[in-house]
Amino acid sequence: MNEAQIQKQIVDYLRHTGWFVAITSQKGISFATPGLPDLIAVKDSIRKRRRTVWIEVKGPRGRQRPEQIKFQDELERHGGDYLLANNLDVVIDYLKGRG
């Protein structure tokens, strides 16, 4: 599966399970935040706490660019949830583990 197919699977799953998903494609946008992940997913959790997960989707051989690593580090330093996903199972496992 290529990155676009993996992303579609992830988006379809998240939306089917009640998440709001924003796709943040940056192709050709020079003023966008460097390293911004591909997806932002938001949902109210069981504990009535809103969850936001920033998801970077990669294909089977994909690696994060330096600006993506910097974005992840900065987001996590501020308490944000960041996920690097190369398949749907990674997302499902992550969400189960985070309640």
PDB file of N, CA and C in Angstrom:
ATOM      1  N   MET A   1       0.843  -1.190   0.000  1.00  0.00           N
ATOM      2  CA  MET A   1       0.000   0.000   0.000  1.00  0.00           C
ATOM      3  C   MET A   1       0.882   1.245   0.000  1.00  0.00           C
ATOM      4  N   ASN A   2       0.482   2.249  -0.755  1.00  0.00           N
ATOM      5  CA  ASN A   2       1.247   3.492  -0.743  1.00  0.00           C
ATOM      6  C   ASN A   2       0.692   4.443   0.326  1.00  0.00           C
ATOM      7  N   GLU A   3       1.362   5.566   0.506  1.00  0.00           N
ATOM      8  CA  GLU A   3       0.980   6.499   1.568  1.00  0.00           C
ATOM      9  C   GLU A   3      -0.447   7.022   1.418  1.00  0.00           C
ATOM     10  N   ALA A   4      -0.861   7.323   0.211  1.00  0.00           N
ATOM     11  CA  ALA A   4      -2.221   7.839  -0.013  1.00  0.00           C
ATOM     12  C   ALA A   4      -3.277   6.800   0.378  1.00  0.00           C
ATOM     13  N   GLN A   5      -3.025   5.534   0.076  1.00  0.00           N
ATOM     14  CA  GLN A   5      -3.972   4.472   0.424  1.00  0.00           C
ATOM     15  C   GLN A   5      -4.030   4.262   1.937  1.00  0.00           C
ATOM     16  N   ILE A   6      -2.873   4.329   2.572  1.00  0.00           N
ATOM     17  CA  ILE A   6      -2.829   4.198   4.032  1.00  0.00           C
ATOM     18  C   ILE A   6      -3.583   5.358   4.678  1.00  0.00           C
ATOM     19  N   GLN A   7      -3.355   6.565   4.182  1.00  0.00           N
ATOM     20  CA  GLN A   7      -4.042   7.742   4.733  1.00  0.00           C
ATOM     21  C   GLN A   7      -5.547   7.610   4.579  1.00  0.00           C
ATOM     22  N   LYS A   8      -6.002   7.149   3.425  1.00  0.00           N
ATOM     23  CA  LYS A   8      -7.441   6.990   3.207  1.00  0.00           C
ATOM     24  C   LYS A   8      -8.027   5.986   4.202  1.00  0.00           C
ATOM     25  N   GLN A   9      -7.335   4.870   4.425  1.00  0.00           N
ATOM     26  CA  GLN A   9      -7.798   3.877   5.402  1.00  0.00           C
ATOM     27  C   GLN A   9      -7.921   4.498   6.791  1.00  0.00           C
ATOM     28  N   ILE A  10      -6.912   5.263   7.181  1.00  0.00           N
ATOM     29  CA  ILE A  10      -6.906   5.887   8.502  1.00  0.00           C
ATOM     30  C   ILE A  10      -8.044   6.892   8.629  1.00  0.00           C
ATOM     31  N   VAL A  11      -8.205   7.750   7.629  1.00  0.00           N
ATOM     32  CA  VAL A  11      -9.267   8.760   7.656  1.00  0.00           C
ATOM     33  C   VAL A  11     -10.637   8.080   7.712  1.00  0.00           C
ATOM     34  N   ASP A  12     -10.841   7.082   6.874  1.00  0.00           N
ATOM     35  CA  ASP A  12     -12.134   6.376   6.858  1.00  0.00           C
ATOM     36  C   ASP A  12     -12.423   5.744   8.220  1.00  0.00           C
ATOM     37  N   TYR A  13     -11.438   5.098   8.818  1.00  0.00           N
ATOM     38  CA  TYR A  13     -11.621   4.470  10.126  1.00  0.00           C
ATOM     39  C   TYR A  13     -11.956   5.518  11.187  1.00  0.00           C
ATOM     40  N   LEU A  14     -11.181   6.581  11.240  1.00  0.00           N
ATOM     41  CA  LEU A  14     -11.407   7.609  12.256  1.00  0.00           C
ATOM     42  C   LEU A  14     -12.801   8.220  12.122  1.00  0.00           C
ATOM     43  N   ARG A  15     -13.173   8.562  10.913  1.00  0.00           N
ATOM     44  CA  ARG A  15     -14.499   9.167  10.699  1.00  0.00           C
ATOM     45  C   ARG A  15     -15.604   8.172  11.053  1.00  0.00           C
ATOM     46  N   HIS A  16     -15.420   6.908  10.715  1.00  0.00           N
ATOM     47  CA  HIS A  16     -16.415   5.885  11.020  1.00  0.00           C
ATOM     48  C   HIS A  16     -16.589   5.702  12.531  1.00  0.00           C
ATOM     49  N   THR A  17     -15.517   5.956  13.287  1.00  0.00           N
ATOM     50  CA  THR A  17     -15.575   5.781  14.741  1.00  0.00           C
ATOM     51  C   THR A  17     -15.817   7.095  15.478  1.00  0.00           C
ATOM     52  N   GLY A  18     -16.298   8.118  14.751  1.00  0.00           N
ATOM     53  CA  GLY A  18     -16.754   9.343  15.397  1.00  0.00           C
ATOM     54  C   GLY A  18     -15.745  10.463  15.544  1.00  0.00           C
ATOM     55  N   TRP A  19     -14.596  10.353  14.916  1.00  0.00           N
ATOM     56  CA  TRP A  19     -13.603  11.420  14.980  1.00  0.00           C
ATOM     57  C   TRP A  19     -13.854  12.452  13.896  1.00  0.00           C
ATOM     58  N   PHE A  20     -13.596  13.704  14.223  1.00  0.00           N
ATOM     59  CA  PHE A  20     -13.517  14.763  13.212  1.00  0.00           C
ATOM     60  C   PHE A  20     -12.084  14.732  12.706  1.00  0.00           C
ATOM     61  N   VAL A  21     -11.906  14.680  11.382  1.00  0.00           N
ATOM     62  CA  VAL A  21     -10.567  14.596  10.812  1.00  0.00           C
ATOM     63  C   VAL A  21     -10.347  15.729   9.824  1.00  0.00           C
ATOM     64  N   ALA A  22      -9.262  16.474  10.044  1.00  0.00           N
ATOM     65  CA  ALA A  22      -8.842  17.513   9.101  1.00  0.00           C
ATOM     66  C   ALA A  22      -7.601  17.012   8.379  1.00  0.00           C
ATOM     67  N   ILE A  23      -7.629  17.077   7.063  1.00  0.00           N
ATOM     68  CA  ILE A  23      -6.483  16.684   6.247  1.00  0.00           C
ATOM     69  C   ILE A  23      -5.709  17.958   5.933  1.00  0.00           C
ATOM     70  N   THR A  24      -4.436  17.965   6.260  1.00  0.00           N
ATOM     71  CA  THR A  24      -3.645  19.199   6.192  1.00  0.00           C
ATOM     72  C   THR A  24      -2.597  19.176   5.087  1.00  0.00           C
ATOM     73  N   SER A  25      -2.991  18.756   3.915  1.00  0.00           N
ATOM     74  CA  SER A  25      -2.057  18.709   2.789  1.00  0.00           C
ATOM     75  C   SER A  25      -1.395  20.060   2.593  1.00  0.00           C
ATOM     76  N   GLN A  26      -0.069  20.048   2.466  1.00  0.00           N
ATOM     77  CA  GLN A  26       0.676  21.293   2.339  1.00  0.00           C
ATOM     78  C   GLN A  26       1.291  21.488   0.954  1.00  0.00           C
ATOM     79  N   LYS A  27       1.025  20.624   0.027  1.00  0.00           N
ATOM     80  CA  LYS A  27       1.649  20.721  -1.286  1.00  0.00           C
ATOM     81  C   LYS A  27       1.422  22.098  -1.897  1.00  0.00           C
ATOM     82  N   GLY A  28       2.503  22.762  -2.193  1.00  0.00           N
ATOM     83  CA  GLY A  28       2.423  24.065  -2.838  1.00  0.00           C
ATOM     84  C   GLY A  28       2.093  25.221  -1.922  1.00  0.00           C
ATOM     85  N   ILE A  29       2.034  24.977  -0.610  1.00  0.00           N
ATOM     86  CA  ILE A  29       1.724  26.056   0.323  1.00  0.00           C
ATOM     87  C   ILE A  29       3.007  26.477   1.017  1.00  0.00           C
ATOM     88  N   SER A  30       3.506  27.633   0.661  1.00  0.00           N
ATOM     89  CA  SER A  30       4.808  28.053   1.183  1.00  0.00           C
ATOM     90  C   SER A  30       4.722  28.669   2.578  1.00  0.00           C
ATOM     91  N   PHE A  31       3.539  29.092   3.011  1.00  0.00           N
ATOM     92  CA  PHE A  31       3.415  29.758   4.308  1.00  0.00           C
ATOM     93  C   PHE A  31       2.945  28.825   5.416  1.00  0.00           C
ATOM     94  N   ALA A  32       2.777  27.543   5.108  1.00  0.00           N
ATOM     95  CA  ALA A  32       2.309  26.578   6.105  1.00  0.00           C
ATOM     96  C   ALA A  32       3.407  26.314   7.140  1.00  0.00           C
ATOM     97  N   THR A  33       3.004  25.882   8.312  1.00  0.00           N
ATOM     98  CA  THR A  33       3.940  25.547   9.380  1.00  0.00           C
ATOM     99  C   THR A  33       4.811  24.371   8.932  1.00  0.00           C
ATOM    100  N   PRO A  34       6.121  24.523   8.948  1.00  0.00           N
ATOM    101  CA  PRO A  34       6.992  23.415   8.539  1.00  0.00           C
ATOM    102  C   PRO A  34       6.788  22.189   9.426  1.00  0.00           C
ATOM    103  N   GLY A  35       6.657  21.028   8.789  1.00  0.00           N
ATOM    104  CA  GLY A  35       6.514  19.784   9.528  1.00  0.00           C
ATOM    105  C   GLY A  35       5.105  19.450   9.966  1.00  0.00           C
ATOM    106  N   LEU A  36       4.124  20.286   9.615  1.00  0.00           N
ATOM    107  CA  LEU A  36       2.735  20.037  10.018  1.00  0.00           C
ATOM    108  C   LEU A  36       2.312  18.639   9.567  1.00  0.00           C
ATOM    109  N   PRO A  37       1.783  17.807  10.488  1.00  0.00           N
ATOM    110  CA  PRO A  37       1.383  16.440  10.131  1.00  0.00           C
ATOM    111  C   PRO A  37       0.244  16.418   9.107  1.00  0.00           C
ATOM    112  N   ASP A  38       0.030  15.242   8.527  1.00  0.00           N
ATOM    113  CA  ASP A  38      -0.970  15.065   7.478  1.00  0.00           C
ATOM    114  C   ASP A  38      -2.409  15.185   7.974  1.00  0.00           C
ATOM    115  N   LEU A  39      -2.650  14.760   9.221  1.00  0.00           N
ATOM    116  CA  LEU A  39      -4.013  14.707   9.751  1.00  0.00           C
ATOM    117  C   LEU A  39      -4.081  15.285  11.159  1.00  0.00           C
ATOM    118  N   ILE A  40      -5.205  15.911  11.455  1.00  0.00           N
ATOM    119  CA  ILE A  40      -5.517  16.314  12.821  1.00  0.00           C
ATOM    120  C   ILE A  40      -6.871  15.684  13.133  1.00  0.00           C
ATOM    121  N   ALA A  41      -6.916  14.868  14.186  1.00  0.00           N
ATOM    122  CA  ALA A  41      -8.143  14.160  14.549  1.00  0.00           C
ATOM    123  C   ALA A  41      -8.603  14.621  15.929  1.00  0.00           C
ATOM    124  N   VAL A  42      -9.914  14.914  16.054  1.00  0.00           N
ATOM    125  CA  VAL A  42     -10.469  15.433  17.303  1.00  0.00           C
ATOM    126  C   VAL A  42     -11.728  14.646  17.662  1.00  0.00           C
ATOM    127  N   LYS A  43     -11.838  14.304  18.967  1.00  0.00           N
ATOM    128  CA  LYS A  43     -13.023  13.586  19.438  1.00  0.00           C
ATOM    129  C   LYS A  43     -13.158  13.778  20.940  1.00  0.00           C
ATOM    130  N   ASP A  44     -14.399  13.853  21.410  1.00  0.00           N
ATOM    131  CA  ASP A  44     -14.652  13.831  22.851  1.00  0.00           C
ATOM    132  C   ASP A  44     -14.483  12.403  23.321  1.00  0.00           C
ATOM    133  N   SER A  45     -13.757  12.220  24.415  1.00  0.00           N
ATOM    134  CA  SER A  45     -13.514  10.874  24.922  1.00  0.00           C
ATOM    135  C   SER A  45     -14.587  10.477  25.928  1.00  0.00           C
ATOM    136  N   ILE A  46     -14.502   9.246  26.380  1.00  0.00           N
ATOM    137  CA  ILE A  46     -15.441   8.710  27.369  1.00  0.00           C
ATOM    138  C   ILE A  46     -15.408   9.549  28.637  1.00  0.00           C
ATOM    139  N   ARG A  47     -14.245  10.040  28.982  1.00  0.00           N
ATOM    140  CA  ARG A  47     -14.089  10.821  30.212  1.00  0.00           C
ATOM    141  C   ARG A  47     -14.463  12.298  30.019  1.00  0.00           C
ATOM    142  N   LYS A  48     -15.145  12.593  28.939  1.00  0.00           N
ATOM    143  CA  LYS A  48     -15.593  13.961  28.639  1.00  0.00           C
ATOM    144  C   LYS A  48     -14.418  14.929  28.446  1.00  0.00           C
ATOM    145  N   ARG A  49     -13.310  14.382  28.023  1.00  0.00           N
ATOM    146  CA  ARG A  49     -12.123  15.190  27.745  1.00  0.00           C
ATOM    147  C   ARG A  49     -11.892  15.155  26.244  1.00  0.00           C
ATOM    148  N   ARG A  50     -11.826  16.293  25.644  1.00  0.00           N
ATOM    149  CA  ARG A  50     -11.593  16.350  24.201  1.00  0.00           C
ATOM    150  C   ARG A  50     -10.174  15.893  23.901  1.00  0.00           C
ATOM    151  N   ARG A  51     -10.043  15.037  22.907  1.00  0.00           N
ATOM    152  CA  ARG A  51      -8.739  14.541  22.486  1.00  0.00           C
ATOM    153  C   ARG A  51      -8.411  15.075  21.107  1.00  0.00           C
ATOM    154  N   THR A  52      -7.181  15.462  20.937  1.00  0.00           N
ATOM    155  CA  THR A  52      -6.676  15.865  19.635  1.00  0.00           C
ATOM    156  C   THR A  52      -5.394  15.091  19.381  1.00  0.00           C
ATOM    157  N   VAL A  53      -5.351  14.408  18.242  1.00  0.00           N
ATOM    158  CA  VAL A  53      -4.169  13.640  17.860  1.00  0.00           C
ATOM    159  C   VAL A  53      -3.684  14.150  16.505  1.00  0.00           C
ATOM    160  N   TRP A  54      -2.426  14.483  16.452  1.00  0.00           N
ATOM    161  CA  TRP A  54      -1.769  14.930  15.216  1.00  0.00           C
ATOM    162  C   TRP A  54      -1.110  13.706  14.607  1.00  0.00           C
ATOM    163  N   ILE A  55      -1.466  13.375  13.363  1.00  0.00           N
ATOM    164  CA  ILE A  55      -1.008  12.117  12.763  1.00  0.00           C
ATOM    165  C   ILE A  55      -0.197  12.381  11.494  1.00  0.00           C
ATOM    166  N   GLU A  56       1.024  11.890  11.494  1.00  0.00           N
ATOM    167  CA  GLU A  56       1.867  11.927  10.305  1.00  0.00           C
ATOM    168  C   GLU A  56       1.799  10.543   9.666  1.00  0.00           C
ATOM    169  N   VAL A  57       1.360  10.483   8.415  1.00  0.00           N
ATOM    170  CA  VAL A  57       1.208   9.217   7.706  1.00  0.00           C
ATOM    171  C   VAL A  57       2.418   9.011   6.801  1.00  0.00           C
ATOM    172  N   LYS A  58       2.973   7.825   6.866  1.00  0.00           N
ATOM    173  CA  LYS A  58       4.112   7.468   6.019  1.00  0.00           C
ATOM    174  C   LYS A  58       3.817   6.163   5.306  1.00  0.00           C
ATOM    175  N   GLY A  59       4.383   6.023   4.130  1.00  0.00           N
ATOM    176  CA  GLY A  59       4.302   4.766   3.403  1.00  0.00           C
ATOM    177  C   GLY A  59       5.247   3.754   4.027  1.00  0.00           C
ATOM    178  N   PRO A  60       5.331   2.563   3.450  1.00  0.00           N
ATOM    179  CA  PRO A  60       6.145   1.495   4.020  1.00  0.00           C
ATOM    180  C   PRO A  60       7.612   1.878   4.254  1.00  0.00           C
ATOM    181  N   ARG A  61       8.174   2.699   3.412  1.00  0.00           N
ATOM    182  CA  ARG A  61       9.588   3.070   3.570  1.00  0.00           C
ATOM    183  C   ARG A  61       9.776   4.533   3.959  1.00  0.00           C
ATOM    184  N   GLY A  62       8.689   5.193   4.281  1.00  0.00           N
ATOM    185  CA  GLY A  62       8.750   6.622   4.583  1.00  0.00           C
ATOM    186  C   GLY A  62       9.450   6.942   5.886  1.00  0.00           C
ATOM    187  N   ARG A  63      10.141   8.052   5.896  1.00  0.00           N
ATOM    188  CA  ARG A  63      10.827   8.539   7.103  1.00  0.00           C
ATOM    189  C   ARG A  63      10.452  10.004   7.313  1.00  0.00           C
ATOM    190  N   GLN A  64      10.470  10.410   8.567  1.00  0.00           N
ATOM    191  CA  GLN A  64      10.186  11.811   8.876  1.00  0.00           C
ATOM    192  C   GLN A  64      11.320  12.707   8.371  1.00  0.00           C
ATOM    193  N   ARG A  65      10.922  13.846   7.841  1.00  0.00           N
ATOM    194  CA  ARG A  65      11.890  14.882   7.476  1.00  0.00           C
ATOM    195  C   ARG A  65      12.292  15.614   8.753  1.00  0.00           C
ATOM    196  N   PRO A  66      13.441  16.286   8.750  1.00  0.00           N
ATOM    197  CA  PRO A  66      13.882  17.004   9.946  1.00  0.00           C
ATOM    198  C   PRO A  66      12.840  17.976  10.496  1.00  0.00           C
ATOM    199  N   GLU A  67      12.120  18.686   9.631  1.00  0.00           N
ATOM    200  CA  GLU A  67      11.114  19.635  10.117  1.00  0.00           C
ATOM    201  C   GLU A  67       9.923  18.914  10.755  1.00  0.00           C
ATOM    202  N   GLN A  68       9.653  17.678  10.332  1.00  0.00           N
ATOM    203  CA  GLN A  68       8.585  16.897  10.953  1.00  0.00           C
ATOM    204  C   GLN A  68       9.004  16.420  12.339  1.00  0.00           C
ATOM    205  N   ILE A  69      10.242  16.030  12.475  1.00  0.00           N
ATOM    206  CA  ILE A  69      10.763  15.630  13.784  1.00  0.00           C
ATOM    207  C   ILE A  69      10.743  16.819  14.732  1.00  0.00           C
ATOM    208  N   LYS A  70      11.132  17.982  14.233  1.00  0.00           N
ATOM    209  CA  LYS A  70      11.124  19.196  15.062  1.00  0.00           C
ATOM    210  C   LYS A  70       9.697  19.534  15.507  1.00  0.00           C
ATOM    211  N   PHE A  71       8.729  19.434  14.579  1.00  0.00           N
ATOM    212  CA  PHE A  71       7.329  19.696  14.918  1.00  0.00           C
ATOM    213  C   PHE A  71       6.868  18.725  16.001  1.00  0.00           C
ATOM    214  N   GLN A  72       7.164  17.433  15.829  1.00  0.00           N
ATOM    215  CA  GLN A  72       6.770  16.429  16.815  1.00  0.00           C
ATOM    216  C   GLN A  72       7.365  16.744  18.179  1.00  0.00           C
ATOM    217  N   ASP A  73       8.645  17.041  18.212  1.00  0.00           N
ATOM    218  CA  ASP A  73       9.303  17.359  19.483  1.00  0.00           C
ATOM    219  C   ASP A  73       8.652  18.552  20.172  1.00  0.00           C
ATOM    220  N   GLU A  74       8.393  19.592  19.417  1.00  0.00           N
ATOM    221  CA  GLU A  74       7.802  20.810  19.975  1.00  0.00           C
ATOM    222  C   GLU A  74       6.374  20.551  20.465  1.00  0.00           C
ATOM    223  N   LEU A  75       5.586  19.841  19.660  1.00  0.00           N
ATOM    224  CA  LEU A  75       4.207  19.532  20.042  1.00  0.00           C
ATOM    225  C   LEU A  75       4.175  18.699  21.327  1.00  0.00           C
ATOM    226  N   GLU A  76       4.990  17.655  21.393  1.00  0.00           N
ATOM    227  CA  GLU A  76       5.005  16.802  22.575  1.00  0.00           C
ATOM    228  C   GLU A  76       5.534  17.545  23.800  1.00  0.00           C
ATOM    229  N   ARG A  77       6.459  18.457  23.602  1.00  0.00           N
ATOM    230  CA  ARG A  77       6.966  19.269  24.709  1.00  0.00           C
ATOM    231  C   ARG A  77       5.855  20.124  25.306  1.00  0.00           C
ATOM    232  N   HIS A  78       4.865  20.469  24.479  1.00  0.00           N
ATOM    233  CA  HIS A  78       3.723  21.266  24.936  1.00  0.00           C
ATOM    234  C   HIS A  78       2.521  20.392  25.314  1.00  0.00           C
ATOM    235  N   GLY A  79       2.735  19.090  25.430  1.00  0.00           N
ATOM    236  CA  GLY A  79       1.677  18.197  25.884  1.00  0.00           C
ATOM    237  C   GLY A  79       0.777  17.653  24.801  1.00  0.00           C
ATOM    238  N   GLY A  80       1.117  17.854  23.533  1.00  0.00           N
ATOM    239  CA  GLY A  80       0.283  17.366  22.439  1.00  0.00           C
ATOM    240  C   GLY A  80       0.516  15.896  22.146  1.00  0.00           C
ATOM    241  N   ASP A  81      -0.478  15.254  21.524  1.00  0.00           N
ATOM    242  CA  ASP A  81      -0.390  13.853  21.124  1.00  0.00           C
ATOM    243  C   ASP A  81      -0.049  13.774  19.644  1.00  0.00           C
ATOM    244  N   TYR A  82       1.072  13.133  19.338  1.00  0.00           N
ATOM    245  CA  TYR A  82       1.567  12.999  17.968  1.00  0.00           C
ATOM    246  C   TYR A  82       1.725  11.517  17.672  1.00  0.00           C
ATOM    247  N   LEU A  83       1.315  11.108  16.490  1.00  0.00           N
ATOM    248  CA  LEU A  83       1.423   9.709  16.099  1.00  0.00           C
ATOM    249  C   LEU A  83       2.026   9.611  14.709  1.00  0.00           C
ATOM    250  N   LEU A  84       3.040   8.796  14.577  1.00  0.00           N
ATOM    251  CA  LEU A  84       3.641   8.468  13.292  1.00  0.00           C
ATOM    252  C   LEU A  84       3.064   7.117  12.890  1.00  0.00           C
ATOM    253  N   ALA A  85       2.308   7.080  11.789  1.00  0.00           N
ATOM    254  CA  ALA A  85       1.582   5.868  11.418  1.00  0.00           C
ATOM    255  C   ALA A  85       1.924   5.435   9.995  1.00  0.00           C
ATOM    256  N   ASN A  86       2.310   4.156   9.868  1.00  0.00           N
ATOM    257  CA  ASN A  86       2.547   3.617   8.531  1.00  0.00           C
ATOM    258  C   ASN A  86       1.523   2.546   8.154  1.00  0.00           C
ATOM    259  N   ASN A  87       0.505   2.383   9.028  1.00  0.00           N
ATOM    260  CA  ASN A  87      -0.630   1.518   8.700  1.00  0.00           C
ATOM    261  C   ASN A  87      -1.762   1.780   9.693  1.00  0.00           C
ATOM    262  N   LEU A  88      -2.930   1.265   9.379  1.00  0.00           N
ATOM    263  CA  LEU A  88      -4.111   1.494  10.213  1.00  0.00           C
ATOM    264  C   LEU A  88      -3.978   0.858  11.591  1.00  0.00           C
ATOM    265  N   ASP A  89      -3.346  -0.298  11.679  1.00  0.00           N
ATOM    266  CA  ASP A  89      -3.212  -0.980  12.973  1.00  0.00           C
ATOM    267  C   ASP A  89      -2.466  -0.133  13.996  1.00  0.00           C
ATOM    268  N   VAL A  90      -1.485   0.638  13.552  1.00  0.00           N
ATOM    269  CA  VAL A  90      -0.749   1.529  14.455  1.00  0.00           C
ATOM    270  C   VAL A  90      -1.712   2.527  15.093  1.00  0.00           C
ATOM    271  N   VAL A  91      -2.622   3.067  14.298  1.00  0.00           N
ATOM    272  CA  VAL A  91      -3.596   4.051  14.801  1.00  0.00           C
ATOM    273  C   VAL A  91      -4.559   3.377  15.780  1.00  0.00           C
ATOM    274  N   ILE A  92      -5.080   2.230  15.407  1.00  0.00           N
ATOM    275  CA  ILE A  92      -6.023   1.530  16.285  1.00  0.00           C
ATOM    276  C   ILE A  92      -5.367   1.201  17.628  1.00  0.00           C
ATOM    277  N   ASP A  93      -4.158   0.665  17.590  1.00  0.00           N
ATOM    278  CA  ASP A  93      -3.448   0.313  18.832  1.00  0.00           C
ATOM    279  C   ASP A  93      -3.170   1.550  19.688  1.00  0.00           C
ATOM    280  N   TYR A  94      -2.774   2.643  19.049  1.00  0.00           N
ATOM    281  CA  TYR A  94      -2.489   3.882  19.761  1.00  0.00           C
ATOM    282  C   TYR A  94      -3.741   4.402  20.465  1.00  0.00           C
ATOM    283  N   LEU A  95      -4.844   4.429  19.760  1.00  0.00           N
ATOM    284  CA  LEU A  95      -6.085   4.944  20.338  1.00  0.00           C
ATOM    285  C   LEU A  95      -6.602   4.050  21.468  1.00  0.00           C
ATOM    286  N   LYS A  96      -6.447   2.761  21.344  1.00  0.00           N
ATOM    287  CA  LYS A  96      -6.861   1.848  22.422  1.00  0.00           C
ATOM    288  C   LYS A  96      -6.018   2.063  23.667  1.00  0.00           C
ATOM    289  N   GLY A  97      -4.750   2.292  23.468  1.00  0.00           N
ATOM    290  CA  GLY A  97      -3.835   2.496  24.593  1.00  0.00           C
ATOM    291  C   GLY A  97      -3.985   3.834  25.273  1.00  0.00           C
ATOM    292  N   ARG A  98      -4.573   4.801  24.598  1.00  0.00           N
ATOM    293  CA  ARG A  98      -4.721   6.146  25.157  1.00  0.00           C
ATOM    294  C   ARG A  98      -6.107   6.405  25.722  1.00  0.00           C
ATOM    295  N   GLY A  99      -7.021   5.458  25.564  1.00  0.00           N
ATOM    296  CA  GLY A  99      -8.377   5.604  26.126  1.00  0.00           C
ATOM    297  C   GLY A  99      -9.060   6.756  25.589  1.00  0.00           C
TER     298      GLY A  99
END
